[in-house]
Protein backbone atom coordinates (compact mmCIF):
# COMPACT_ATOMS: atom_id res chain seq x y z
CA MET A 1 -32.99 18.67 -14.88
CA ILE A 2 -36.32 18.54 -12.85
CA ARG A 3 -36.01 17.59 -9.11
CA LEU A 4 -38.99 16.79 -6.28
CA ALA A 5 -38.81 16.89 -2.69
CA ARG A 6 -41.17 15.34 -0.31
CA GLY A 7 -44.48 17.31 0.18
CA ASP A 8 -44.12 18.73 -3.36
CA ARG A 9 -47.49 18.50 -5.12
CA LEU A 10 -47.72 16.23 -8.44
CA VAL A 11 -50.24 16.09 -10.77
CA VAL A 12 -50.64 12.51 -11.91
CA ALA A 13 -51.73 13.20 -15.66
CA SER A 14 -53.82 10.26 -16.35
CA HIS A 15 -57.95 9.88 -16.25
CA ASN A 16 -57.20 5.90 -16.13
CA ARG A 17 -58.46 5.20 -12.64
CA GLY A 18 -56.38 1.59 -12.62
CA LYS A 19 -53.31 3.59 -13.85
CA VAL A 20 -53.59 6.49 -11.25
CA ARG A 21 -53.84 3.95 -8.49
CA GLU A 22 -50.82 2.33 -9.31
CA ILE A 23 -48.68 5.47 -9.64
CA HIS A 24 -50.41 6.50 -6.27
CA GLU A 25 -49.22 3.31 -4.81
CA LEU A 26 -45.74 3.55 -6.36
CA LEU A 27 -45.30 7.31 -5.02
CA ALA A 28 -46.55 6.67 -1.86
CA PRO A 29 -43.00 5.86 0.07
CA TYR A 30 -41.79 9.28 -1.34
CA ASP A 31 -44.56 11.50 0.56
CA LEU A 32 -45.44 13.57 -2.81
CA GLN A 33 -48.98 14.76 -2.91
CA ALA A 34 -50.07 13.28 -5.99
CA ILE A 35 -53.42 14.43 -7.33
CA GLY A 36 -54.93 13.00 -10.14
CA ALA A 37 -55.92 15.08 -13.21
CA ALA A 38 -59.68 14.15 -13.00
CA GLU A 39 -59.55 15.29 -9.25
CA LEU A 40 -58.22 18.65 -10.58
CA GLY A 41 -61.12 18.91 -13.41
CA LEU A 42 -58.14 18.94 -16.10
CA PRO A 43 -59.37 17.86 -19.81
CA GLU A 44 -58.13 14.98 -21.11
CA PRO A 45 -55.88 15.86 -24.29
CA GLU A 46 -56.31 14.00 -27.18
CA GLU A 47 -53.51 11.35 -27.60
CA THR A 48 -52.23 12.24 -31.31
CA GLU A 49 -48.52 11.24 -31.31
CA THR A 50 -47.16 8.22 -32.94
CA THR A 51 -45.07 7.17 -30.05
CA PHE A 52 -45.39 6.32 -26.72
CA ALA A 53 -43.07 8.90 -25.41
CA GLY A 54 -44.57 11.32 -27.69
CA ASN A 55 -47.84 10.91 -25.99
CA ALA A 56 -46.38 10.59 -22.48
CA VAL A 57 -44.95 14.29 -23.24
CA LEU A 58 -48.05 15.33 -24.64
CA LYS A 59 -50.34 14.35 -21.45
CA ALA A 60 -47.71 15.79 -19.00
CA ASP A 61 -46.96 18.96 -20.76
CA ALA A 62 -50.62 19.66 -20.93
CA ALA A 63 -51.19 18.83 -17.30
CA SER A 64 -48.57 21.05 -16.15
CA LYS A 65 -49.43 23.97 -18.21
CA ALA A 66 -53.12 23.59 -17.00
CA SER A 67 -52.14 23.28 -13.47
CA GLY A 68 -49.03 25.28 -13.05
CA LEU A 69 -47.58 22.22 -11.15
CA PRO A 70 -45.03 19.51 -11.93
CA ALA A 71 -46.93 16.65 -13.74
CA LEU A 72 -46.17 12.92 -14.22
CA SER A 73 -47.92 11.14 -17.27
CA ASP A 74 -47.61 7.51 -18.31
CA ASP A 75 -48.28 6.21 -21.66
CA SER A 76 -48.48 2.51 -21.75
CA GLY A 77 -49.39 -0.54 -23.74
CA LEU A 78 -49.03 -4.12 -24.90
CA CYS A 79 -46.98 -5.25 -27.52
CA VAL A 80 -47.76 -8.40 -29.47
CA ALA A 81 -45.20 -9.99 -31.79
CA GLY A 82 -47.67 -12.05 -33.98
CA LEU A 83 -49.76 -8.77 -34.45
CA ASP A 84 -46.42 -6.97 -35.50
CA GLY A 85 -46.23 -4.88 -32.36
CA ALA A 86 -49.99 -4.28 -32.25
CA PRO A 87 -51.97 -2.96 -30.47
CA GLY A 88 -49.08 -0.73 -29.16
CA ILE A 89 -50.17 2.84 -28.75
CA TYR A 90 -53.59 2.02 -29.56
CA SER A 91 -53.90 -0.24 -26.50
CA ALA A 92 -56.54 1.60 -24.63
CA ARG A 93 -58.35 2.24 -27.87
CA TRP A 94 -58.94 -1.45 -28.75
CA ALA A 95 -61.17 -1.53 -25.51
CA GLY A 96 -63.56 1.15 -27.00
CA PRO A 97 -65.25 3.94 -25.74
CA GLU A 98 -66.29 2.24 -22.62
CA LYS A 99 -63.14 1.12 -21.98
CA ASP A 100 -63.72 -2.44 -21.97
CA PHE A 101 -60.73 -4.54 -21.73
CA ARG A 102 -62.81 -7.49 -22.13
CA HIS A 103 -63.51 -6.64 -25.39
CA ALA A 104 -59.95 -5.76 -25.85
CA MET A 105 -58.62 -9.11 -25.02
CA ARG A 106 -60.81 -11.10 -27.11
CA ARG A 107 -59.94 -8.93 -29.99
CA VAL A 108 -56.14 -9.87 -29.27
CA GLU A 109 -57.06 -13.22 -29.23
CA GLU A 110 -59.23 -13.16 -32.43
CA GLU A 111 -56.56 -11.17 -34.52
CA LEU A 112 -53.85 -13.91 -33.50
CA ASN A 113 -56.37 -15.90 -35.11
CA GLY A 114 -54.54 -19.18 -33.87
CA ASN A 115 -50.91 -17.94 -34.45
CA PRO A 116 -48.75 -19.95 -32.11
CA ASP A 117 -46.31 -16.76 -31.25
CA LYS A 118 -47.47 -15.71 -28.12
CA ARG A 119 -44.61 -13.32 -27.19
CA ALA A 120 -45.67 -10.12 -26.08
CA TYR A 121 -44.30 -7.06 -23.82
CA PHE A 122 -45.70 -4.25 -22.10
CA VAL A 123 -44.13 -0.94 -22.43
CA CYS A 124 -44.38 2.05 -20.02
CA VAL A 125 -43.09 5.67 -20.86
CA LEU A 126 -43.32 7.92 -18.00
CA ALA A 127 -42.94 11.84 -18.77
CA LEU A 128 -42.24 14.50 -16.14
CA ALA A 129 -42.98 18.08 -16.75
CA LYS A 130 -42.87 21.19 -15.07
CA PRO A 131 -43.47 24.80 -15.93
CA GLY A 132 -40.02 26.51 -17.30
CA ALA A 133 -38.11 23.18 -17.12
CA ALA A 134 -37.48 20.35 -20.15
CA THR A 135 -39.65 17.36 -20.02
CA GLU A 136 -37.93 14.31 -19.12
CA ILE A 137 -38.57 10.96 -19.95
CA PHE A 138 -38.15 7.26 -18.27
CA GLU A 139 -39.13 3.88 -20.26
CA GLY A 140 -39.54 0.57 -18.71
CA ARG A 141 -40.24 -2.99 -20.41
CA VAL A 142 -41.39 -6.38 -19.19
CA TYR A 143 -41.37 -9.36 -21.63
CA GLY A 144 -43.48 -12.51 -21.54
CA SER A 145 -46.30 -14.27 -23.23
CA LEU A 146 -50.19 -14.15 -23.90
CA THR A 147 -52.44 -16.80 -22.58
CA PHE A 148 -55.90 -17.39 -22.92
CA PRO A 149 -58.79 -17.32 -21.71
CA PRO A 150 -58.07 -14.52 -19.14
CA ARG A 151 -57.24 -15.29 -15.89
CA GLY A 152 -57.19 -13.32 -12.66
CA THR A 153 -59.23 -10.15 -11.18
CA PHE A 154 -56.12 -8.23 -10.06
CA GLY A 155 -54.74 -5.27 -11.92
CA PHE A 156 -56.21 -3.68 -14.92
CA GLY A 157 -56.30 -3.61 -18.71
CA TYR A 158 -54.51 -6.74 -20.29
CA ASP A 159 -52.97 -7.94 -17.12
CA PRO A 160 -55.31 -11.18 -17.36
CA ILE A 161 -53.59 -12.54 -20.22
CA PHE A 162 -49.98 -11.55 -19.70
CA ILE A 163 -47.51 -13.89 -17.88
CA PRO A 164 -44.08 -12.42 -17.38
CA GLU A 165 -41.13 -14.05 -18.37
CA HIS A 166 -40.07 -17.26 -16.10
CA GLY A 167 -43.55 -16.71 -14.19
CA ARG A 168 -46.46 -19.19 -14.17
CA PHE A 169 -49.32 -16.56 -13.27
CA THR A 170 -50.72 -13.80 -15.05
CA PHE A 171 -50.39 -9.94 -13.94
CA GLY A 172 -54.15 -10.52 -13.15
CA GLU A 173 -53.45 -13.46 -10.76
CA MET A 174 -50.35 -11.90 -8.93
CA ASP A 175 -50.38 -9.75 -5.69
CA PRO A 176 -50.29 -6.18 -6.67
CA LYS A 177 -47.04 -6.11 -4.69
CA ALA A 178 -45.47 -8.98 -6.53
CA LYS A 179 -46.55 -7.24 -9.90
CA HIS A 180 -45.29 -3.83 -8.76
CA ALA A 181 -41.96 -5.61 -8.14
CA ILE A 182 -41.46 -6.61 -11.99
CA SER A 183 -43.90 -4.48 -13.99
CA HIS A 184 -43.22 -2.27 -16.90
CA ARG A 185 -44.24 0.68 -14.82
CA ALA A 186 -42.43 -0.31 -11.83
CA ARG A 187 -39.15 -0.50 -14.11
CA ALA A 188 -39.93 2.95 -15.43
CA PHE A 189 -40.65 4.52 -12.11
CA GLU A 190 -37.34 3.19 -10.59
CA LYS A 191 -35.73 5.46 -13.41
CA PHE A 192 -37.69 8.50 -12.34
CA VAL A 193 -37.31 8.07 -8.83
CA ALA A 194 -33.19 7.70 -9.17
CA SER A 195 -33.34 10.97 -11.26
CA ALA A 196 -36.01 13.22 -10.05
CA ILE A 197 -36.72 12.51 -6.55
CA LEU A 198 -34.27 14.19 -3.85
CA PRO A 199 -32.76 11.87 -1.28
CA SER A 200 -33.97 12.98 1.99
CA THR A 201 -30.42 13.98 2.55
CA GLU A 202 -30.52 16.60 0.36
CA GLN A 203 -33.81 18.10 1.58
């Protein structure tokens, strides 16, 4: 089992600035020295796996091997019931090479083509890798529905079209702290903290 103590260095194995920012915010209370993969000049591996978990492990292992440090990766996406789970693991690719999620959100709406089934969920799989240790994974999900046109300027990715269950506001309209309390990433992160971060009494 991989355990991390306050003050340890941890590579955030992502080149997505919005994702790195959210992970930094979630890590802040634990005093880990989080370093983005881009800061270390690490290459961005091609995501060749067919599952969120597979891609998360691929990215964490690559960053840990290249840096010699523990690495935390995130593979996440939007799964839409009316599109048989798409865009799923291809959520980022739907935004194109320019990572234009306005285009991606338009594509979701166009692909639904009037389908009244707007149910959707976000999934996040975190993978924690460390040289010489078995890579561990932690999954979180949040269910909800889609709305068009997009609403709000907070968050990133598909946040402006996603309304969580029992909510009225999109993730794009919600204060970041409110989103962090219920998001798929926060739920995966809770499992990561419970398993991997040593309580201060053990440090």
